[in-house]
Amino acid sequence: MIKAVVFDLYGTLIDSERVLAPNAKELLQSLSPDYLLGLSTTSSRWSAESILKNFGLLEFIKASTCGDEVSQL
């Protein structure tokens, strides 16, 4: 059985001012040994990865879908 958690970049991991949410890194560190962690965001891949790298979170995210990778309806 796969155990996974998907996070939204804005409003969950960082706020609208691009400030890391309290305890976000600690949460990802504690979940990563037991869960596949993913990210879903309307941001471009470049923007999302830049933000995650800046906060030292990229290493925890194993799957992601970004806004520039999906078609518009």
N, C-alpha and C. Protein backbone atom coordinates (compact mmCIF):
# COMPACT_ATOMS: atom_id res chain seq x y z
N MET A 1 0.84 -1.18 0.00
CA MET A 1 0.00 0.00 0.00
C MET A 1 0.89 1.24 0.00
N ILE A 2 0.60 2.16 -0.90
CA ILE A 2 1.35 3.42 -0.98
C ILE A 2 0.70 4.43 -0.05
N LYS A 3 1.51 5.03 0.78
CA LYS A 3 1.03 6.12 1.63
C LYS A 3 1.63 7.41 1.09
N ALA A 4 0.77 8.36 0.77
CA ALA A 4 1.25 9.59 0.16
C ALA A 4 0.51 10.80 0.73
N VAL A 5 1.18 11.93 0.69
CA VAL A 5 0.61 13.21 1.08
C VAL A 5 0.97 14.20 -0.02
N VAL A 6 -0.03 14.94 -0.51
CA VAL A 6 0.21 15.96 -1.53
C VAL A 6 -0.02 17.33 -0.92
N PHE A 7 0.94 18.21 -1.11
CA PHE A 7 0.87 19.55 -0.57
C PHE A 7 0.65 20.57 -1.68
N ASP A 8 0.01 21.66 -1.35
CA ASP A 8 -0.08 22.82 -2.22
C ASP A 8 1.05 23.75 -1.80
N LEU A 9 1.71 24.37 -2.75
CA LEU A 9 2.84 25.24 -2.43
C LEU A 9 2.40 26.48 -1.66
N TYR A 10 1.45 27.21 -2.24
CA TYR A 10 1.02 28.46 -1.60
C TYR A 10 -0.12 28.18 -0.63
N GLY A 11 -0.03 28.74 0.55
CA GLY A 11 -1.06 28.57 1.55
C GLY A 11 -0.83 27.37 2.45
N THR A 12 0.06 26.47 2.04
CA THR A 12 0.37 25.31 2.87
C THR A 12 1.83 25.34 3.30
N LEU A 13 2.74 25.34 2.32
CA LEU A 13 4.17 25.35 2.66
C LEU A 13 4.73 26.76 2.81
N ILE A 14 4.23 27.69 1.99
CA ILE A 14 4.65 29.08 2.12
C ILE A 14 3.41 29.96 2.02
N ASP A 15 3.53 31.18 2.54
CA ASP A 15 2.39 32.09 2.46
C ASP A 15 2.53 32.99 1.23
N SER A 16 1.58 33.87 1.04
CA SER A 16 1.56 34.72 -0.15
C SER A 16 2.75 35.67 -0.22
N GLU A 17 3.42 35.89 0.88
CA GLU A 17 4.61 36.74 0.91
C GLU A 17 5.89 35.93 0.72
N ARG A 18 5.72 34.66 0.37
CA ARG A 18 6.84 33.72 0.20
C ARG A 18 7.66 33.55 1.47
N VAL A 19 6.95 33.42 2.57
CA VAL A 19 7.57 33.13 3.85
C VAL A 19 7.21 31.69 4.20
N LEU A 20 8.20 30.93 4.62
CA LEU A 20 7.98 29.54 4.98
C LEU A 20 6.99 29.43 6.13
N ALA A 21 6.00 28.56 5.98
CA ALA A 21 5.02 28.35 7.04
C ALA A 21 5.72 27.78 8.28
N PRO A 22 5.25 28.15 9.47
CA PRO A 22 5.86 27.63 10.69
C PRO A 22 5.87 26.10 10.68
N ASN A 23 6.99 25.52 10.99
CA ASN A 23 7.17 24.07 11.11
C ASN A 23 7.00 23.29 9.81
N ALA A 24 6.98 23.97 8.66
CA ALA A 24 6.80 23.27 7.38
C ALA A 24 7.95 22.28 7.12
N LYS A 25 9.18 22.73 7.31
CA LYS A 25 10.31 21.84 7.05
C LYS A 25 10.33 20.66 8.02
N GLU A 26 10.02 20.93 9.26
CA GLU A 26 9.97 19.86 10.26
C GLU A 26 8.88 18.84 9.93
N LEU A 27 7.75 19.33 9.43
CA LEU A 27 6.66 18.44 9.04
C LEU A 27 7.09 17.52 7.90
N LEU A 28 7.71 18.10 6.87
CA LEU A 28 8.17 17.28 5.74
C LEU A 28 9.24 16.28 6.18
N GLN A 29 10.14 16.71 7.05
CA GLN A 29 11.18 15.81 7.56
C GLN A 29 10.56 14.64 8.31
N SER A 30 9.54 14.90 9.11
CA SER A 30 8.93 13.83 9.91
C SER A 30 8.09 12.89 9.06
N LEU A 31 7.47 13.39 7.98
CA LEU A 31 6.64 12.55 7.13
C LEU A 31 7.42 11.77 6.08
N SER A 32 8.55 12.32 5.62
CA SER A 32 9.26 11.74 4.48
C SER A 32 9.72 10.29 4.66
N PRO A 33 10.06 9.83 5.85
CA PRO A 33 10.46 8.42 5.95
C PRO A 33 9.31 7.44 5.68
N ASP A 34 8.10 7.85 5.93
CA ASP A 34 6.97 6.92 5.84
C ASP A 34 5.98 7.21 4.72
N TYR A 35 6.09 8.39 4.09
CA TYR A 35 5.13 8.81 3.07
C TYR A 35 5.84 9.31 1.83
N LEU A 36 5.23 9.08 0.68
CA LEU A 36 5.67 9.69 -0.56
C LEU A 36 5.07 11.09 -0.56
N LEU A 37 5.91 12.12 -0.62
CA LEU A 37 5.44 13.50 -0.55
C LEU A 37 5.40 14.11 -1.94
N GLY A 38 4.29 14.73 -2.25
CA GLY A 38 4.10 15.34 -3.56
C GLY A 38 3.67 16.79 -3.44
N LEU A 39 3.72 17.47 -4.57
CA LEU A 39 3.37 18.88 -4.64
C LEU A 39 2.46 19.11 -5.83
N SER A 40 1.43 19.88 -5.62
CA SER A 40 0.55 20.31 -6.70
C SER A 40 0.45 21.82 -6.61
N THR A 41 0.74 22.50 -7.73
CA THR A 41 0.74 23.95 -7.71
C THR A 41 0.40 24.51 -9.09
N THR A 42 -0.18 25.69 -9.11
CA THR A 42 -0.42 26.37 -10.39
C THR A 42 0.82 27.15 -10.83
N SER A 43 1.82 27.22 -9.98
CA SER A 43 3.08 27.89 -10.34
C SER A 43 3.82 27.08 -11.39
N SER A 44 4.71 27.75 -12.12
CA SER A 44 5.54 27.04 -13.09
C SER A 44 6.52 26.12 -12.35
N ARG A 45 7.02 25.11 -13.05
CA ARG A 45 8.00 24.21 -12.44
C ARG A 45 9.22 25.00 -11.98
N TRP A 46 9.70 25.91 -12.82
CA TRP A 46 10.89 26.69 -12.46
C TRP A 46 10.65 27.45 -11.16
N SER A 47 9.52 28.11 -11.04
CA SER A 47 9.21 28.90 -9.85
C SER A 47 9.07 27.99 -8.62
N ALA A 48 8.33 26.91 -8.76
CA ALA A 48 8.12 26.00 -7.63
C ALA A 48 9.43 25.40 -7.15
N GLU A 49 10.25 24.92 -8.08
CA GLU A 49 11.53 24.32 -7.67
C GLU A 49 12.47 25.35 -7.07
N SER A 50 12.46 26.56 -7.60
CA SER A 50 13.30 27.63 -7.03
C SER A 50 12.91 27.91 -5.58
N ILE A 51 11.62 27.98 -5.32
CA ILE A 51 11.14 28.25 -3.96
C ILE A 51 11.49 27.09 -3.05
N LEU A 52 11.24 25.86 -3.49
CA LEU A 52 11.54 24.69 -2.67
C LEU A 52 13.03 24.60 -2.36
N LYS A 53 13.88 24.86 -3.37
CA LYS A 53 15.33 24.85 -3.16
C LYS A 53 15.74 25.92 -2.15
N ASN A 54 15.18 27.11 -2.29
CA ASN A 54 15.51 28.22 -1.41
C ASN A 54 15.25 27.88 0.06
N PHE A 55 14.18 27.15 0.31
CA PHE A 55 13.83 26.80 1.69
C PHE A 55 14.34 25.43 2.11
N GLY A 56 15.08 24.76 1.25
CA GLY A 56 15.62 23.44 1.59
C GLY A 56 14.56 22.36 1.66
N LEU A 57 13.51 22.49 0.85
CA LEU A 57 12.41 21.52 0.88
C LEU A 57 12.40 20.58 -0.31
N LEU A 58 13.13 20.90 -1.36
CA LEU A 58 13.06 20.13 -2.60
C LEU A 58 13.39 18.65 -2.39
N GLU A 59 14.33 18.37 -1.52
CA GLU A 59 14.75 16.98 -1.29
C GLU A 59 13.62 16.10 -0.77
N PHE A 60 12.59 16.69 -0.18
CA PHE A 60 11.49 15.90 0.39
C PHE A 60 10.39 15.60 -0.62
N ILE A 61 10.30 16.39 -1.68
CA ILE A 61 9.21 16.25 -2.66
C ILE A 61 9.63 15.24 -3.73
N LYS A 62 8.90 14.15 -3.81
CA LYS A 62 9.25 13.06 -4.74
C LYS A 62 8.38 13.05 -6.00
N ALA A 63 7.28 13.76 -5.99
CA ALA A 63 6.40 13.82 -7.17
C ALA A 63 5.76 15.20 -7.19
N SER A 64 5.52 15.73 -8.40
CA SER A 64 4.91 17.05 -8.48
C SER A 64 4.22 17.26 -9.82
N THR A 65 3.24 18.13 -9.80
CA THR A 65 2.57 18.60 -11.01
C THR A 65 2.50 20.11 -10.89
N CYS A 66 3.00 20.79 -11.91
CA CYS A 66 3.05 22.25 -11.88
C CYS A 66 2.14 22.83 -12.97
N GLY A 67 1.79 24.08 -12.80
CA GLY A 67 0.83 24.74 -13.67
C GLY A 67 1.20 24.77 -15.13
N ASP A 68 2.49 24.84 -15.44
CA ASP A 68 2.91 24.89 -16.83
C ASP A 68 2.98 23.50 -17.49
N GLU A 69 2.57 22.48 -16.76
CA GLU A 69 2.60 21.12 -17.28
C GLU A 69 1.21 20.55 -17.58
N VAL A 70 0.18 21.33 -17.33
CA VAL A 70 -1.17 20.86 -17.59
C VAL A 70 -1.85 21.80 -18.59
N SER A 71 -2.77 21.23 -19.35
CA SER A 71 -3.47 22.07 -20.33
C SER A 71 -4.58 22.86 -19.66
N GLN A 72 -4.88 24.00 -20.23
CA GLN A 72 -5.95 24.85 -19.74
C GLN A 72 -7.29 24.35 -20.27
N LEU A 73 -8.30 24.36 -19.43
CA LEU A 73 -9.64 23.95 -19.86
C LEU A 73 -10.45 25.14 -20.26
